[in-house]
Amino acid sequence: MATNLELKCGTESLAKAHQAARSLGLSCAETLDQTDIYFVVSRGRLKLRRIEGRGAELIYYEREDDRAARWSRYTRMAVPDPDVLQGQLAQALGIRGIVRKNRSVYLFGSARIHLDRVEGLGEFLEFEIVETDEKTASEVMEKLKAAFSVSQTALIGGSYVDLLDARDKASANCT
């Protein structure tokens, strides 16, 4: 399995996050419209990522749900026929949730910086550092946290599907 060091947090302003990226001398590498279909699994997370105009991939990952930066182990596989695979996995496992987002991607050395607008949740910032050397990855993470003024109170431990689950449970409790 491949590994990366990840951090996710809410942001009050994607415009300020774009400005922070530009202040590092970065320009947006790509903008993606993604739909992640999460399936029910007993361990880790399994999602079919559909990227508008670009195809799809199946991603399985395991990571702690700590709010701090955490290591993620993952595998990815290109999916030539996502409709068929989605149907098969939905039938066999069940769908846990669907996350739709618009993602702007910046590249900073071995780091991917994601500025996400997630349907039904809001705006988020995510860092993924693909690095086998733990010390180097941690140093890059600290530099990015400083450059983007990441607040400890904005850190998120789970994934977007977890946030959607929590939102749905909260709204169900209010009715």
Protein backbone atom coordinates (compact mmCIF):
# COMPACT_ATOMS: atom_id res chain seq x y z
CA MET A 1 0.00 0.00 0.00
CA ALA A 2 1.11 3.54 -0.70
CA THR A 3 1.23 6.05 2.16
CA ASN A 4 0.80 9.75 2.64
CA LEU A 5 0.55 12.21 5.51
CA GLU A 6 -2.83 13.97 5.50
CA LEU A 7 -4.50 16.89 7.20
CA LYS A 8 -8.02 18.23 6.65
CA CYS A 9 -9.62 21.37 8.03
CA GLY A 10 -12.49 23.70 7.46
CA THR A 11 -11.78 27.12 6.01
CA GLU A 12 -13.72 30.34 6.27
CA SER A 13 -12.63 31.44 2.80
CA LEU A 14 -11.45 29.52 -0.23
CA ALA A 15 -10.46 32.88 -1.73
CA LYS A 16 -7.96 33.37 1.13
CA ALA A 17 -6.72 29.80 0.68
CA HIS A 18 -6.14 30.44 -3.05
CA GLN A 19 -4.23 33.60 -2.09
CA ALA A 20 -2.10 31.63 0.39
CA ALA A 21 -1.22 29.17 -2.38
CA ARG A 22 -0.28 32.01 -4.70
CA SER A 23 1.89 33.53 -1.95
CA LEU A 24 3.92 30.28 -2.06
CA GLY A 25 4.43 30.89 -5.79
CA LEU A 26 1.94 28.19 -6.77
CA SER A 27 -0.67 28.19 -9.49
CA CYS A 28 -3.69 25.93 -9.66
CA ALA A 29 -2.70 22.70 -11.43
CA GLU A 30 -6.28 21.57 -12.09
CA THR A 31 -9.89 21.99 -11.05
CA LEU A 32 -11.99 18.85 -10.73
CA ASP A 33 -15.64 18.02 -10.21
CA GLN A 34 -15.61 14.80 -8.21
CA THR A 35 -18.25 12.45 -6.93
CA ASP A 36 -17.11 9.92 -4.32
CA ILE A 37 -19.44 6.98 -3.72
CA TYR A 38 -18.56 5.36 -0.38
CA PHE A 39 -19.45 1.72 0.17
CA VAL A 40 -20.17 -0.06 3.43
CA VAL A 41 -17.04 -1.94 4.55
CA SER A 42 -16.03 -3.43 7.89
CA ARG A 43 -12.62 -1.74 7.97
CA GLY A 44 -11.15 1.34 6.33
CA ARG A 45 -13.02 3.17 3.60
CA LEU A 46 -13.79 2.13 0.03
CA LYS A 47 -14.90 4.69 -2.52
CA LEU A 48 -15.46 4.92 -6.23
CA ARG A 49 -14.22 8.35 -7.32
CA ARG A 50 -15.84 9.63 -10.48
CA ILE A 51 -14.15 12.67 -11.99
CA GLU A 52 -16.20 14.57 -14.53
CA GLY A 53 -14.60 14.28 -17.96
CA ARG A 54 -11.68 12.21 -16.63
CA GLY A 55 -12.91 8.73 -15.73
CA ALA A 56 -13.00 6.93 -12.41
CA GLU A 57 -10.89 5.08 -9.87
CA LEU A 58 -11.54 2.76 -6.96
CA ILE A 59 -9.75 3.84 -3.79
CA TYR A 60 -9.41 1.85 -0.58
CA TYR A 61 -7.76 3.53 2.39
CA GLU A 62 -7.09 3.05 6.08
CA ARG A 63 -6.17 5.81 8.50
CA GLU A 64 -6.81 6.99 12.01
CA ASP A 65 -9.49 9.62 12.40
CA ASP A 66 -7.28 11.94 14.47
CA ARG A 67 -7.80 15.64 14.02
CA ALA A 68 -4.04 16.15 13.69
CA ALA A 69 -2.00 15.17 10.65
CA ARG A 70 -2.19 11.40 10.21
CA TRP A 71 -0.73 8.72 7.99
CA SER A 72 -3.00 7.09 5.44
CA ARG A 73 -2.39 3.78 3.66
CA TYR A 74 -4.18 3.46 0.33
CA THR A 75 -4.52 1.65 -2.96
CA ARG A 76 -5.94 3.06 -6.19
CA MET A 77 -7.14 1.32 -9.32
CA ALA A 78 -8.40 2.81 -12.58
CA VAL A 79 -11.97 1.77 -13.38
CA PRO A 80 -12.84 1.49 -17.08
CA ASP A 81 -16.60 0.96 -16.53
CA PRO A 82 -17.65 2.81 -13.37
CA ASP A 83 -21.40 2.29 -13.90
CA VAL A 84 -21.03 -1.50 -13.81
CA LEU A 85 -18.65 -1.48 -10.84
CA GLN A 86 -20.80 0.97 -8.89
CA GLY A 87 -23.84 -1.24 -9.44
CA GLN A 88 -22.00 -4.38 -8.37
CA LEU A 89 -20.50 -2.82 -5.24
CA ALA A 90 -23.79 -1.17 -4.28
CA GLN A 91 -25.56 -4.51 -4.56
CA ALA A 92 -22.87 -6.48 -2.72
CA LEU A 93 -21.88 -3.97 -0.01
CA GLY A 94 -24.41 -1.15 0.07
CA ILE A 95 -23.77 2.56 -0.37
CA ARG A 96 -22.75 4.42 2.77
CA GLY A 97 -22.89 7.90 1.27
CA ILE A 98 -22.14 10.11 -1.70
CA VAL A 99 -19.85 13.15 -1.55
CA ARG A 100 -19.90 15.71 -4.36
CA LYS A 101 -17.19 18.32 -4.48
CA ASN A 102 -15.39 20.84 -6.61
CA ARG A 103 -11.65 20.60 -5.97
CA SER A 104 -8.84 22.97 -6.91
CA VAL A 105 -5.45 21.26 -6.78
CA TYR A 106 -2.10 22.92 -6.12
CA LEU A 107 1.21 21.05 -6.13
CA PHE A 108 3.97 21.89 -3.66
CA GLY A 109 6.87 19.45 -4.06
CA SER A 110 5.57 16.07 -2.90
CA ALA A 111 2.43 17.70 -1.46
CA ARG A 112 -0.99 18.02 -3.01
CA ILE A 113 -3.03 20.93 -1.69
CA HIS A 114 -6.77 20.54 -2.17
CA LEU A 115 -9.19 23.45 -1.86
CA ASP A 116 -12.61 21.82 -1.73
CA ARG A 117 -16.18 23.09 -1.95
CA VAL A 118 -18.26 20.13 -0.72
CA GLU A 119 -21.96 20.01 -1.49
CA GLY A 120 -24.00 20.27 1.69
CA LEU A 121 -20.96 20.82 3.94
CA GLY A 122 -19.01 23.92 2.94
CA GLU A 123 -15.39 24.79 2.19
CA PHE A 124 -12.32 22.82 3.22
CA LEU A 125 -8.57 22.66 2.87
CA GLU A 126 -6.68 19.38 2.65
CA PHE A 127 -2.97 18.56 2.46
CA GLU A 128 -1.67 15.20 1.24
CA ILE A 129 2.08 14.68 1.39
CA VAL A 130 3.40 11.62 -0.41
CA GLU A 131 6.66 11.05 1.38
CA THR A 132 8.32 7.96 2.79
CA ASP A 133 10.54 9.97 5.12
CA GLU A 134 8.43 10.83 8.17
CA LYS A 135 10.62 13.76 9.23
CA THR A 136 10.51 15.43 5.79
CA ALA A 137 6.75 14.92 5.50
CA SER A 138 6.22 16.45 8.95
CA GLU A 139 8.38 19.46 8.04
CA VAL A 140 6.43 20.05 4.82
CA MET A 141 3.15 19.71 6.75
CA GLU A 142 4.23 22.32 9.29
CA LYS A 143 5.28 24.70 6.52
CA LEU A 144 1.88 24.32 4.80
CA LYS A 145 -0.04 24.75 8.06
CA ALA A 146 1.81 28.01 8.68
CA ALA A 147 1.42 29.30 5.11
CA PHE A 148 -2.34 28.63 5.16
CA SER A 149 -2.81 29.82 8.79
CA VAL A 150 -4.42 26.53 9.79
CA SER A 151 -6.23 26.82 13.10
CA GLN A 152 -6.20 23.88 15.53
CA THR A 153 -9.93 24.40 16.07
CA ALA A 154 -10.66 23.94 12.35
CA LEU A 155 -9.00 20.50 12.09
CA ILE A 156 -11.21 17.58 11.07
CA GLY A 157 -10.56 13.96 12.03
CA GLY A 158 -12.78 11.98 9.69
CA SER A 159 -13.66 12.11 6.02
CA TYR A 160 -16.33 14.09 4.20
CA VAL A 161 -18.68 11.11 4.32
CA ASP A 162 -18.34 11.10 8.12
CA LEU A 163 -19.27 14.79 8.21
CA LEU A 164 -22.32 14.10 6.03
CA ASP A 165 -23.32 11.23 8.36
CA ALA A 166 -23.02 13.54 11.39
CA ARG A 167 -25.02 16.28 9.65
CA ASP A 168 -27.78 13.83 8.72
CA LYS A 169 -27.93 12.41 12.26
CA ALA A 170 -28.11 15.91 13.74
CA SER A 171 -30.95 16.93 11.43
CA ALA A 172 -32.80 13.65 12.18
CA ASN A 173 -32.52 14.37 15.92
CA CYS A 174 -34.07 17.82 15.38
CA THR A 175 -37.25 16.42 13.83
